[in-house]
PDB file of all heavy atoms in Angstrom:
ATOM      1  N   GLY A   1     -12.344  10.909  -4.697  1.00  0.00           N
ATOM      2  CA  GLY A   1     -12.858  11.721  -3.603  1.00  0.00           C
ATOM      3  C   GLY A   1     -12.258  11.241  -2.292  1.00  0.00           C
ATOM      4  O   GLY A   1     -11.043  11.135  -2.162  1.00  0.00           O
ATOM      5  N   GLU A   2     -13.126  10.905  -1.336  1.00  0.00           N
ATOM      6  CA  GLU A   2     -12.657  10.422  -0.040  1.00  0.00           C
ATOM      7  C   GLU A   2     -12.648   8.900   0.035  1.00  0.00           C
ATOM      8  O   GLU A   2     -12.317   8.336   1.082  1.00  0.00           O
ATOM      9  CB  GLU A   2     -13.557  10.979   1.079  1.00  0.00           C
ATOM     10  CG  GLU A   2     -13.501  12.502   1.200  1.00  0.00           C
ATOM     11  CD  GLU A   2     -14.384  13.010   2.325  1.00  0.00           C
ATOM     12  OE1 GLU A   2     -15.117  12.180   2.918  1.00  0.00           O
ATOM     13  OE2 GLU A   2     -14.345  14.218   2.603  1.00  0.00           O
ATOM     14  N   HIS A   3     -13.002   8.238  -1.055  1.00  0.00           N
ATOM     15  CA  HIS A   3     -13.122   6.783  -1.045  1.00  0.00           C
ATOM     16  C   HIS A   3     -12.090   6.157  -1.986  1.00  0.00           C
ATOM     17  O   HIS A   3     -11.523   6.823  -2.854  1.00  0.00           O
ATOM     18  CB  HIS A   3     -14.537   6.370  -1.474  1.00  0.00           C
ATOM     19  CG  HIS A   3     -15.614   6.963  -0.627  1.00  0.00           C
ATOM     20  ND1 HIS A   3     -15.898   6.528   0.635  1.00  0.00           N
ATOM     21  CD2 HIS A   3     -16.468   7.998  -0.885  1.00  0.00           C
ATOM     22  CE1 HIS A   3     -16.890   7.231   1.144  1.00  0.00           C
ATOM     23  NE2 HIS A   3     -17.251   8.146   0.247  1.00  0.00           N
ATOM     24  N   TYR A   4     -11.875   4.851  -1.798  1.00  0.00           N
ATOM     25  CA  TYR A   4     -10.992   4.126  -2.715  1.00  0.00           C
ATOM     26  C   TYR A   4     -11.619   4.103  -4.105  1.00  0.00           C
ATOM     27  O   TYR A   4     -12.829   3.938  -4.257  1.00  0.00           O
ATOM     28  CB  TYR A   4     -10.772   2.696  -2.229  1.00  0.00           C
ATOM     29  CG  TYR A   4      -9.926   2.587  -0.985  1.00  0.00           C
ATOM     30  CD1 TYR A   4     -10.453   2.050   0.197  1.00  0.00           C
ATOM     31  CD2 TYR A   4      -8.609   3.018  -0.977  1.00  0.00           C
ATOM     32  CE1 TYR A   4      -9.673   1.948   1.339  1.00  0.00           C
ATOM     33  CE2 TYR A   4      -7.822   2.929   0.164  1.00  0.00           C
ATOM     34  CZ  TYR A   4      -8.360   2.390   1.318  1.00  0.00           C
ATOM     35  OH  TYR A   4      -7.598   2.300   2.446  1.00  0.00           O
ATOM     36  N   SER A   5     -10.771   4.238  -5.106  1.00  0.00           N
ATOM     37  CA  SER A   5     -11.256   4.223  -6.483  1.00  0.00           C
ATOM     38  C   SER A   5     -11.519   2.792  -6.943  1.00  0.00           C
ATOM     39  O   SER A   5     -11.200   1.826  -6.239  1.00  0.00           O
ATOM     40  CB  SER A   5     -10.212   4.863  -7.407  1.00  0.00           C
ATOM     41  OG  SER A   5      -9.033   4.047  -7.445  1.00  0.00           O
ATOM     42  N   ALA A   6     -12.070   2.651  -8.127  1.00  0.00           N
ATOM     43  CA  ALA A   6     -12.308   1.323  -8.712  1.00  0.00           C
ATOM     44  C   ALA A   6     -10.988   0.588  -8.923  1.00  0.00           C
ATOM     45  O   ALA A   6     -10.912  -0.638  -8.760  1.00  0.00           O
ATOM     46  CB  ALA A   6     -13.058   1.463 -10.038  1.00  0.00           C
ATOM     47  N   ILE A   7      -9.944   1.325  -9.272  1.00  0.00           N
ATOM     48  CA  ILE A   7      -8.618   0.716  -9.455  1.00  0.00           C
ATOM     49  C   ILE A   7      -8.106   0.157  -8.133  1.00  0.00           C
ATOM     50  O   ILE A   7      -7.591  -0.961  -8.082  1.00  0.00           O
ATOM     51  CB  ILE A   7      -7.625   1.756 -10.022  1.00  0.00           C
ATOM     52  CG1 ILE A   7      -7.971   2.080 -11.473  1.00  0.00           C
ATOM     53  CG2 ILE A   7      -6.183   1.244  -9.919  1.00  0.00           C
ATOM     54  CD1 ILE A   7      -7.089   3.133 -12.102  1.00  0.00           C
ATOM     55  N   ALA A   8      -8.256   0.919  -7.053  1.00  0.00           N
ATOM     56  CA  ALA A   8      -7.812   0.447  -5.739  1.00  0.00           C
ATOM     57  C   ALA A   8      -8.563  -0.817  -5.333  1.00  0.00           C
ATOM     58  O   ALA A   8      -7.963  -1.791  -4.854  1.00  0.00           O
ATOM     59  CB  ALA A   8      -8.027   1.538  -4.689  1.00  0.00           C
ATOM     60  N   ASN A   9      -9.871  -0.837  -5.530  1.00  0.00           N
ATOM     61  CA  ASN A   9     -10.663  -2.012  -5.173  1.00  0.00           C
ATOM     62  C   ASN A   9     -10.306  -3.221  -6.036  1.00  0.00           C
ATOM     63  O   ASN A   9     -10.366  -4.360  -5.572  1.00  0.00           O
ATOM     64  CB  ASN A   9     -12.156  -1.693  -5.299  1.00  0.00           C
ATOM     65  CG  ASN A   9     -12.650  -0.805  -4.165  1.00  0.00           C
ATOM     66  OD1 ASN A   9     -12.312  -1.030  -3.011  1.00  0.00           O
ATOM     67  ND2 ASN A   9     -13.419   0.217  -4.494  1.00  0.00           N
ATOM     68  N   PHE A  10      -9.918  -2.968  -7.294  1.00  0.00           N
ATOM     69  CA  PHE A  10      -9.450  -4.061  -8.151  1.00  0.00           C
ATOM     70  C   PHE A  10      -8.195  -4.689  -7.556  1.00  0.00           C
ATOM     71  O   PHE A  10      -8.068  -5.918  -7.484  1.00  0.00           O
ATOM     72  CB  PHE A  10      -9.156  -3.539  -9.559  1.00  0.00           C
ATOM     73  CG  PHE A  10      -8.463  -4.541 -10.438  1.00  0.00           C
ATOM     74  CD1 PHE A  10      -9.186  -5.495 -11.138  1.00  0.00           C
ATOM     75  CD2 PHE A  10      -7.075  -4.556 -10.558  1.00  0.00           C
ATOM     76  CE1 PHE A  10      -8.554  -6.436 -11.940  1.00  0.00           C
ATOM     77  CE2 PHE A  10      -6.428  -5.491 -11.350  1.00  0.00           C
ATOM     78  CZ  PHE A  10      -7.177  -6.428 -12.052  1.00  0.00           C
ATOM     79  N   PHE A  11      -7.261  -3.862  -7.107  1.00  0.00           N
ATOM     80  CA  PHE A  11      -6.026  -4.365  -6.498  1.00  0.00           C
ATOM     81  C   PHE A  11      -6.329  -5.152  -5.225  1.00  0.00           C
ATOM     82  O   PHE A  11      -5.768  -6.223  -4.995  1.00  0.00           O
ATOM     83  CB  PHE A  11      -5.075  -3.207  -6.187  1.00  0.00           C
ATOM     84  CG  PHE A  11      -4.187  -2.825  -7.335  1.00  0.00           C
ATOM     85  CD1 PHE A  11      -4.664  -2.046  -8.374  1.00  0.00           C
ATOM     86  CD2 PHE A  11      -2.868  -3.246  -7.379  1.00  0.00           C
ATOM     87  CE1 PHE A  11      -3.855  -1.689  -9.434  1.00  0.00           C
ATOM     88  CE2 PHE A  11      -2.038  -2.888  -8.436  1.00  0.00           C
ATOM     89  CZ  PHE A  11      -2.527  -2.117  -9.470  1.00  0.00           C
ATOM     90  N   PHE A  12      -7.204  -4.617  -4.384  1.00  0.00           N
ATOM     91  CA  PHE A  12      -7.549  -5.297  -3.134  1.00  0.00           C
ATOM     92  C   PHE A  12      -8.158  -6.673  -3.387  1.00  0.00           C
ATOM     93  O   PHE A  12      -7.969  -7.610  -2.612  1.00  0.00           O
ATOM     94  CB  PHE A  12      -8.537  -4.448  -2.318  1.00  0.00           C
ATOM     95  CG  PHE A  12      -7.974  -3.154  -1.829  1.00  0.00           C
ATOM     96  CD1 PHE A  12      -8.778  -2.024  -1.722  1.00  0.00           C
ATOM     97  CD2 PHE A  12      -6.639  -3.049  -1.467  1.00  0.00           C
ATOM     98  CE1 PHE A  12      -8.263  -0.822  -1.251  1.00  0.00           C
ATOM     99  CE2 PHE A  12      -6.100  -1.849  -1.005  1.00  0.00           C
ATOM    100  CZ  PHE A  12      -6.925  -0.738  -0.905  1.00  0.00           C
ATOM    101  N   THR A  13      -8.878  -6.794  -4.491  1.00  0.00           N
ATOM    102  CA  THR A  13      -9.598  -8.038  -4.786  1.00  0.00           C
ATOM    103  C   THR A  13      -8.726  -9.066  -5.502  1.00  0.00           C
ATOM    104  O   THR A  13      -8.769 -10.260  -5.190  1.00  0.00           O
ATOM    105  CB  THR A  13     -10.839  -7.746  -5.653  1.00  0.00           C
ATOM    106  OG1 THR A  13     -11.668  -6.796  -4.980  1.00  0.00           O
ATOM    107  CG2 THR A  13     -11.646  -9.028  -5.897  1.00  0.00           C
ATOM    108  N   TYR A  14      -7.901  -8.622  -6.442  1.00  0.00           N
ATOM    109  CA  TYR A  14      -7.253  -9.564  -7.349  1.00  0.00           C
ATOM    110  C   TYR A  14      -5.723  -9.640  -7.260  1.00  0.00           C
ATOM    111  O   TYR A  14      -5.132 -10.602  -7.756  1.00  0.00           O
ATOM    112  CB  TYR A  14      -7.624  -9.228  -8.804  1.00  0.00           C
ATOM    113  CG  TYR A  14      -9.097  -9.367  -9.088  1.00  0.00           C
ATOM    114  CD1 TYR A  14      -9.902  -8.242  -9.250  1.00  0.00           C
ATOM    115  CD2 TYR A  14      -9.695 -10.626  -9.182  1.00  0.00           C
ATOM    116  CE1 TYR A  14     -11.255  -8.363  -9.513  1.00  0.00           C
ATOM    117  CE2 TYR A  14     -11.041 -10.755  -9.434  1.00  0.00           C
ATOM    118  CZ  TYR A  14     -11.829  -9.614  -9.599  1.00  0.00           C
ATOM    119  OH  TYR A  14     -13.169  -9.745  -9.842  1.00  0.00           O
ATOM    120  N   VAL A  15      -5.073  -8.646  -6.687  1.00  0.00           N
ATOM    121  CA  VAL A  15      -3.605  -8.630  -6.692  1.00  0.00           C
ATOM    122  C   VAL A  15      -3.073  -9.169  -5.362  1.00  0.00           C
ATOM    123  O   VAL A  15      -3.363  -8.609  -4.307  1.00  0.00           O
ATOM    124  CB  VAL A  15      -3.068  -7.203  -6.932  1.00  0.00           C
ATOM    125  CG1 VAL A  15      -1.538  -7.206  -6.887  1.00  0.00           C
ATOM    126  CG2 VAL A  15      -3.560  -6.674  -8.282  1.00  0.00           C
ATOM    127  N   PRO A  16      -2.304 -10.265  -5.397  1.00  0.00           N
ATOM    128  CA  PRO A  16      -1.760 -10.849  -4.163  1.00  0.00           C
ATOM    129  C   PRO A  16      -0.912  -9.851  -3.383  1.00  0.00           C
ATOM    130  O   PRO A  16      -0.060  -9.171  -3.942  1.00  0.00           O
ATOM    131  CB  PRO A  16      -0.898 -12.011  -4.681  1.00  0.00           C
ATOM    132  CG  PRO A  16      -1.471 -12.351  -6.015  1.00  0.00           C
ATOM    133  CD  PRO A  16      -1.928 -11.041  -6.587  1.00  0.00           C
ATOM    134  N   GLY A  17      -1.153  -9.778  -2.083  1.00  0.00           N
ATOM    135  CA  GLY A  17      -0.378  -8.881  -1.228  1.00  0.00           C
ATOM    136  C   GLY A  17      -0.927  -7.471  -1.145  1.00  0.00           C
ATOM    137  O   GLY A  17      -0.516  -6.689  -0.283  1.00  0.00           O
ATOM    138  N   ALA A  18      -1.864  -7.141  -2.017  1.00  0.00           N
ATOM    139  CA  ALA A  18      -2.393  -5.767  -2.067  1.00  0.00           C
ATOM    140  C   ALA A  18      -3.672  -5.646  -1.239  1.00  0.00           C
ATOM    141  O   ALA A  18      -4.747  -5.384  -1.760  1.00  0.00           O
ATOM    142  CB  ALA A  18      -2.652  -5.345  -3.512  1.00  0.00           C
ATOM    143  N   SER A  19      -3.542  -5.834   0.056  1.00  0.00           N
ATOM    144  CA  SER A  19      -4.695  -5.709   0.946  1.00  0.00           C
ATOM    145  C   SER A  19      -4.736  -4.319   1.564  1.00  0.00           C
ATOM    146  O   SER A  19      -3.723  -3.598   1.584  1.00  0.00           O
ATOM    147  CB  SER A  19      -4.633  -6.759   2.057  1.00  0.00           C
ATOM    148  OG  SER A  19      -3.536  -6.499   2.910  1.00  0.00           O
ATOM    149  N   VAL A  20      -5.895  -3.943   2.077  1.00  0.00           N
ATOM    150  CA  VAL A  20      -6.029  -2.636   2.734  1.00  0.00           C
ATOM    151  C   VAL A  20      -5.059  -2.534   3.909  1.00  0.00           C
ATOM    152  O   VAL A  20      -4.374  -1.521   4.083  1.00  0.00           O
ATOM    153  CB  VAL A  20      -7.480  -2.429   3.228  1.00  0.00           C
ATOM    154  CG1 VAL A  20      -7.579  -1.125   4.017  1.00  0.00           C
ATOM    155  CG2 VAL A  20      -8.450  -2.412   2.054  1.00  0.00           C
ATOM    156  N   ASP A  21      -4.971  -3.592   4.708  1.00  0.00           N
ATOM    157  CA  ASP A  21      -4.093  -3.595   5.881  1.00  0.00           C
ATOM    158  C   ASP A  21      -2.627  -3.401   5.492  1.00  0.00           C
ATOM    159  O   ASP A  21      -1.896  -2.642   6.138  1.00  0.00           O
ATOM    160  CB  ASP A  21      -4.242  -4.900   6.668  1.00  0.00           C
ATOM    161  CG  ASP A  21      -5.591  -4.983   7.381  1.00  0.00           C
ATOM    162  OD1 ASP A  21      -6.219  -3.932   7.562  1.00  0.00           O
ATOM    163  OD2 ASP A  21      -6.008  -6.104   7.712  1.00  0.00           O
ATOM    164  N   ASN A  22      -2.190  -4.101   4.430  1.00  0.00           N
ATOM    165  CA  ASN A  22      -0.796  -3.978   3.994  1.00  0.00           C
ATOM    166  C   ASN A  22      -0.465  -2.545   3.575  1.00  0.00           C
ATOM    167  O   ASN A  22       0.607  -2.015   3.886  1.00  0.00           O
ATOM    168  CB  ASN A  22      -0.506  -4.939   2.842  1.00  0.00           C
ATOM    169  CG  ASN A  22      -0.331  -6.359   3.320  1.00  0.00           C
ATOM    170  OD1 ASN A  22      -0.181  -6.615   4.512  1.00  0.00           O
ATOM    171  ND2 ASN A  22      -0.360  -7.307   2.403  1.00  0.00           N
ATOM    172  N   PHE A  23      -1.393  -1.929   2.849  1.00  0.00           N
ATOM    173  CA  PHE A  23      -1.146  -0.558   2.408  1.00  0.00           C
ATOM    174  C   PHE A  23      -1.095   0.408   3.586  1.00  0.00           C
ATOM    175  O   PHE A  23      -0.281   1.333   3.612  1.00  0.00           O
ATOM    176  CB  PHE A  23      -2.216  -0.116   1.407  1.00  0.00           C
ATOM    177  CG  PHE A  23      -1.939  -0.554   0.003  1.00  0.00           C
ATOM    178  CD1 PHE A  23      -2.607  -1.623  -0.568  1.00  0.00           C
ATOM    179  CD2 PHE A  23      -0.972   0.094  -0.760  1.00  0.00           C
ATOM    180  CE1 PHE A  23      -2.342  -2.031  -1.855  1.00  0.00           C
ATOM    181  CE2 PHE A  23      -0.697  -0.306  -2.057  1.00  0.00           C
ATOM    182  CZ  PHE A  23      -1.385  -1.375  -2.605  1.00  0.00           C
ATOM    183  N   LEU A  24      -1.954   0.194   4.587  1.00  0.00           N
ATOM    184  CA  LEU A  24      -1.953   1.070   5.755  1.00  0.00           C
ATOM    185  C   LEU A  24      -0.659   0.926   6.555  1.00  0.00           C
ATOM    186  O   LEU A  24      -0.108   1.908   7.064  1.00  0.00           O
ATOM    187  CB  LEU A  24      -3.161   0.749   6.642  1.00  0.00           C
ATOM    188  CG  LEU A  24      -4.526   1.135   6.060  1.00  0.00           C
ATOM    189  CD1 LEU A  24      -5.643   0.682   6.992  1.00  0.00           C
ATOM    190  CD2 LEU A  24      -4.616   2.635   5.800  1.00  0.00           C
ATOM    191  N   ILE A  25      -0.161  -0.313   6.663  1.00  0.00           N
ATOM    192  CA  ILE A  25       1.092  -0.559   7.377  1.00  0.00           C
ATOM    193  C   ILE A  25       2.253   0.152   6.689  1.00  0.00           C
ATOM    194  O   ILE A  25       3.060   0.844   7.322  1.00  0.00           O
ATOM    195  CB  ILE A  25       1.379  -2.071   7.468  1.00  0.00           C
ATOM    196  CG1 ILE A  25       0.372  -2.742   8.410  1.00  0.00           C
ATOM    197  CG2 ILE A  25       2.809  -2.333   7.964  1.00  0.00           C
ATOM    198  CD1 ILE A  25       0.423  -4.255   8.385  1.00  0.00           C
ATOM    199  N   VAL A  26       2.335  -0.032   5.366  1.00  0.00           N
ATOM    200  CA  VAL A  26       3.428   0.588   4.604  1.00  0.00           C
ATOM    201  C   VAL A  26       3.322   2.108   4.653  1.00  0.00           C
ATOM    202  O   VAL A  26       4.328   2.820   4.752  1.00  0.00           O
ATOM    203  CB  VAL A  26       3.404   0.089   3.144  1.00  0.00           C
ATOM    204  CG1 VAL A  26       4.416   0.858   2.302  1.00  0.00           C
ATOM    205  CG2 VAL A  26       3.700  -1.401   3.083  1.00  0.00           C
ATOM    206  N   LYS A  27       2.095   2.603   4.606  1.00  0.00           N
ATOM    207  CA  LYS A  27       1.877   4.052   4.643  1.00  0.00           C
ATOM    208  C   LYS A  27       2.461   4.668   5.906  1.00  0.00           C
ATOM    209  O   LYS A  27       3.077   5.733   5.885  1.00  0.00           O
ATOM    210  CB  LYS A  27       0.375   4.333   4.553  1.00  0.00           C
ATOM    211  CG  LYS A  27       0.024   5.795   4.324  1.00  0.00           C
ATOM    212  CD  LYS A  27      -1.468   5.948   4.109  1.00  0.00           C
ATOM    213  CE  LYS A  27      -1.847   7.417   3.893  1.00  0.00           C
ATOM    214  NZ  LYS A  27      -3.292   7.582   3.698  1.00  0.00           N
ATOM    215  N   LYS A  28       2.303   3.991   7.035  1.00  0.00           N
ATOM    216  CA  LYS A  28       2.866   4.480   8.300  1.00  0.00           C
ATOM    217  C   LYS A  28       4.395   4.446   8.278  1.00  0.00           C
ATOM    218  O   LYS A  28       5.058   5.354   8.779  1.00  0.00           O
ATOM    219  CB  LYS A  28       2.338   3.638   9.456  1.00  0.00           C
ATOM    220  CG  LYS A  28       0.858   3.844   9.750  1.00  0.00           C
ATOM    221  CD  LYS A  28       0.407   2.963  10.913  1.00  0.00           C
ATOM    222  CE  LYS A  28      -1.075   3.164  11.196  1.00  0.00           C
ATOM    223  NZ  LYS A  28      -1.558   2.299  12.303  1.00  0.00           N
ATOM    224  N   LEU A  29       4.948   3.388   7.697  1.00  0.00           N
ATOM    225  CA  LEU A  29       6.406   3.254   7.668  1.00  0.00           C
ATOM    226  C   LEU A  29       7.072   4.357   6.846  1.00  0.00           C
ATOM    227  O   LEU A  29       8.200   4.762   7.138  1.00  0.00           O
ATOM    228  CB  LEU A  29       6.791   1.887   7.099  1.00  0.00           C
ATOM    229  CG  LEU A  29       6.510   0.672   7.982  1.00  0.00           C
ATOM    230  CD1 LEU A  29       6.768  -0.609   7.204  1.00  0.00           C
ATOM    231  CD2 LEU A  29       7.367   0.704   9.239  1.00  0.00           C
ATOM    232  N   TYR A  30       6.383   4.840   5.820  1.00  0.00           N
ATOM    233  CA  TYR A  30       6.968   5.851   4.951  1.00  0.00           C
ATOM    234  C   TYR A  30       7.256   7.158   5.678  1.00  0.00           C
ATOM    235  O   TYR A  30       8.084   7.956   5.234  1.00  0.00           O
ATOM    236  CB  TYR A  30       6.051   6.141   3.757  1.00  0.00           C
ATOM    237  CG  TYR A  30       6.296   5.239   2.583  1.00  0.00           C
ATOM    238  CD1 TYR A  30       5.249   4.552   1.981  1.00  0.00           C
ATOM    239  CD2 TYR A  30       7.572   5.072   2.056  1.00  0.00           C
ATOM    240  CE1 TYR A  30       5.466   3.710   0.903  1.00  0.00           C
ATOM    241  CE2 TYR A  30       7.802   4.238   0.984  1.00  0.00           C
ATOM    242  CZ  TYR A  30       6.737   3.568   0.407  1.00  0.00           C
ATOM    243  OH  TYR A  30       6.948   2.752  -0.653  1.00  0.00           O
ATOM    244  N   ASN A  31       6.562   7.409   6.756  1.00  0.00           N
ATOM    245  CA  ASN A  31       6.748   8.673   7.473  1.00  0.00           C
ATOM    246  C   ASN A  31       8.193   8.878   7.929  1.00  0.00           C
ATOM    247  O   ASN A  31       8.693   9.989   7.942  1.00  0.00           O
ATOM    248  CB  ASN A  31       5.808   8.736   8.691  1.00  0.00           C
ATOM    249  CG  ASN A  31       4.357   8.830   8.281  1.00  0.00           C
ATOM    250  OD1 ASN A  31       4.050   9.339   7.218  1.00  0.00           O
ATOM    251  ND2 ASN A  31       3.468   8.317   9.114  1.00  0.00           N
ATOM    252  N   GLU A  32       8.874   7.784   8.285  1.00  0.00           N
ATOM    253  CA  GLU A  32      10.246   7.898   8.794  1.00  0.00           C
ATOM    254  C   GLU A  32      11.285   7.226   7.916  1.00  0.00           C
ATOM    255  O   GLU A  32      12.436   7.654   7.875  1.00  0.00           O
ATOM    256  CB  GLU A  32      10.325   7.275  10.192  1.00  0.00           C
ATOM    257  CG  GLU A  32       9.792   8.150  11.299  1.00  0.00           C
ATOM    258  CD  GLU A  32      10.122   7.561  12.658  1.00  0.00           C
ATOM    259  OE1 GLU A  32      11.280   7.699  13.095  1.00  0.00           O
ATOM    260  OE2 GLU A  32       9.229   6.948  13.256  1.00  0.00           O
ATOM    261  N   TYR A  33      10.889   6.173   7.218  1.00  0.00           N
ATOM    262  CA  TYR A  33      11.884   5.328   6.553  1.00  0.00           C
ATOM    263  C   TYR A  33      11.620   5.184   5.056  1.00  0.00           C
ATOM    264  O   TYR A  33      11.721   4.094   4.512  1.00  0.00           O
ATOM    265  CB  TYR A  33      11.894   3.944   7.201  1.00  0.00           C
ATOM    266  CG  TYR A  33      12.008   3.968   8.706  1.00  0.00           C
ATOM    267  CD1 TYR A  33      10.919   3.654   9.507  1.00  0.00           C
ATOM    268  CD2 TYR A  33      13.207   4.324   9.325  1.00  0.00           C
ATOM    269  CE1 TYR A  33      11.018   3.681  10.889  1.00  0.00           C
ATOM    270  CE2 TYR A  33      13.316   4.350  10.711  1.00  0.00           C
ATOM    271  CZ  TYR A  33      12.211   4.027  11.487  1.00  0.00           C
ATOM    272  OH  TYR A  33      12.318   4.059  12.850  1.00  0.00           O
ATOM    273  N   SER A  34      11.279   6.247   4.386  1.00  0.00           N
ATOM    274  CA  SER A  34      10.853   6.158   2.987  1.00  0.00           C
ATOM    275  C   SER A  34      11.881   5.445   2.095  1.00  0.00           C
ATOM    276  O   SER A  34      11.534   4.531   1.344  1.00  0.00           O
ATOM    277  CB  SER A  34      10.546   7.547   2.434  1.00  0.00           C
ATOM    278  OG  SER A  34      11.648   8.422   2.622  1.00  0.00           O
ATOM    279  N   PHE A  35      13.159   5.852   2.190  1.00  0.00           N
ATOM    280  CA  PHE A  35      14.185   5.239   1.342  1.00  0.00           C
ATOM    281  C   PHE A  35      14.317   3.756   1.649  1.00  0.00           C
ATOM    282  O   PHE A  35      14.338   2.916   0.747  1.00  0.00           O
ATOM    283  CB  PHE A  35      15.540   5.931   1.544  1.00  0.00           C
ATOM    284  CG  PHE A  35      16.661   5.280   0.775  1.00  0.00           C
ATOM    285  CD1 PHE A  35      16.946   5.675  -0.519  1.00  0.00           C
ATOM    286  CD2 PHE A  35      17.418   4.253   1.339  1.00  0.00           C
ATOM    287  CE1 PHE A  35      17.969   5.059  -1.245  1.00  0.00           C
ATOM    288  CE2 PHE A  35      18.440   3.645   0.632  1.00  0.00           C
ATOM    289  CZ  PHE A  35      18.722   4.042  -0.660  1.00  0.00           C
ATOM    290  N   TRP A  36      14.401   3.417   2.945  1.00  0.00           N
ATOM    291  CA  TRP A  36      14.667   2.038   3.322  1.00  0.00           C
ATOM    292  C   TRP A  36      13.477   1.117   3.076  1.00  0.00           C
ATOM    293  O   TRP A  36      13.653  -0.077   2.827  1.00  0.00           O
ATOM    294  CB  TRP A  36      15.117   1.964   4.777  1.00  0.00           C
ATOM    295  CG  TRP A  36      16.469   2.570   4.969  1.00  0.00           C
ATOM    296  CD1 TRP A  36      16.789   3.710   5.639  1.00  0.00           C
ATOM    297  CD2 TRP A  36      17.697   2.073   4.421  1.00  0.00           C
ATOM    298  NE1 TRP A  36      18.146   3.952   5.557  1.00  0.00           N
ATOM    299  CE2 TRP A  36      18.726   2.973   4.819  1.00  0.00           C
ATOM    300  CE3 TRP A  36      18.025   0.966   3.640  1.00  0.00           C
ATOM    301  CZ2 TRP A  36      20.054   2.779   4.453  1.00  0.00           C
ATOM    302  CZ3 TRP A  36      19.352   0.775   3.282  1.00  0.00           C
ATOM    303  CH2 TRP A  36      20.347   1.677   3.687  1.00  0.00           C
ATOM    304  N   VAL A  37      12.273   1.655   3.125  1.00  0.00           N
ATOM    305  CA  VAL A  37      11.094   0.844   2.806  1.00  0.00           C
ATOM    306  C   VAL A  37      11.146   0.419   1.343  1.00  0.00           C
ATOM    307  O   VAL A  37      10.945  -0.742   0.999  1.00  0.00           O
ATOM    308  CB  VAL A  37       9.792   1.622   3.098  1.00  0.00           C
ATOM    309  CG1 VAL A  37       8.586   0.852   2.565  1.00  0.00           C
ATOM    310  CG2 VAL A  37       9.633   1.845   4.586  1.00  0.00           C
ATOM    311  N   VAL A  38      11.426   1.374   0.462  1.00  0.00           N
ATOM    312  CA  VAL A  38      11.512   1.066  -0.967  1.00  0.00           C
ATOM    313  C   VAL A  38      12.679   0.130  -1.257  1.00  0.00           C
ATOM    314  O   VAL A  38      12.553  -0.849  -1.986  1.00  0.00           O
ATOM    315  CB  VAL A  38      11.650   2.362  -1.800  1.00  0.00           C
ATOM    316  CG1 VAL A  38      11.790   2.023  -3.286  1.00  0.00           C
ATOM    317  CG2 VAL A  38      10.444   3.263  -1.590  1.00  0.00           C
ATOM    318  N   PHE A  39      13.828   0.428  -0.663  1.00  0.00           N
ATOM    319  CA  PHE A  39      15.014  -0.395  -0.901  1.00  0.00           C
ATOM    320  C   PHE A  39      14.790  -1.824  -0.431  1.00  0.00           C
ATOM    321  O   PHE A  39      15.125  -2.781  -1.138  1.00  0.00           O
ATOM    322  CB  PHE A  39      16.218   0.203  -0.163  1.00  0.00           C
ATOM    323  CG  PHE A  39      17.491  -0.591  -0.348  1.00  0.00           C
ATOM    324  CD1 PHE A  39      18.344  -0.307  -1.407  1.00  0.00           C
ATOM    325  CD2 PHE A  39      17.818  -1.634   0.511  1.00  0.00           C
ATOM    326  CE1 PHE A  39      19.507  -1.043  -1.590  1.00  0.00           C
ATOM    327  CE2 PHE A  39      18.980  -2.374   0.337  1.00  0.00           C
ATOM    328  CZ  PHE A  39      19.823  -2.083  -0.715  1.00  0.00           C
ATOM    329  N   THR A  40      14.223  -1.997   0.750  1.00  0.00           N
ATOM    330  CA  THR A  40      13.999  -3.337   1.307  1.00  0.00           C
ATOM    331  C   THR A  40      13.067  -4.145   0.418  1.00  0.00           C
ATOM    332  O   THR A  40      13.320  -5.321   0.129  1.00  0.00           O
ATOM    333  CB  THR A  40      13.416  -3.238   2.732  1.00  0.00           C
ATOM    334  OG1 THR A  40      14.339  -2.534   3.564  1.00  0.00           O
ATOM    335  CG2 THR A  40      13.166  -4.620   3.313  1.00  0.00           C
ATOM    336  N   ALA A  41      11.984  -3.522  -0.028  1.00  0.00           N
ATOM    337  CA  ALA A  41      11.046  -4.234  -0.901  1.00  0.00           C
ATOM    338  C   ALA A  41      11.662  -4.532  -2.259  1.00  0.00           C
ATOM    339  O   ALA A  41      11.385  -5.565  -2.864  1.00  0.00           O
ATOM    340  CB  ALA A  41       9.778  -3.409  -1.078  1.00  0.00           C
ATOM    341  N   GLY A  42      12.509  -3.627  -2.735  1.00  0.00           N
ATOM    342  CA  GLY A  42      13.126  -3.831  -4.038  1.00  0.00           C
ATOM    343  C   GLY A  42      14.127  -4.967  -4.062  1.00  0.00           C
ATOM    344  O   GLY A  42      14.339  -5.596  -5.102  1.00  0.00           O
TER     345      GLY A  42
END
């Protein structure tokens, strides 16, 4: 719905680097630099 799913909350809790803030930052970057964001992380 409008909330994070159980899977999302699992990632936020247990997966290193998978914080709400990190996802929001990356989400903004995708608006202009989608290819380069993926390439840089890869």
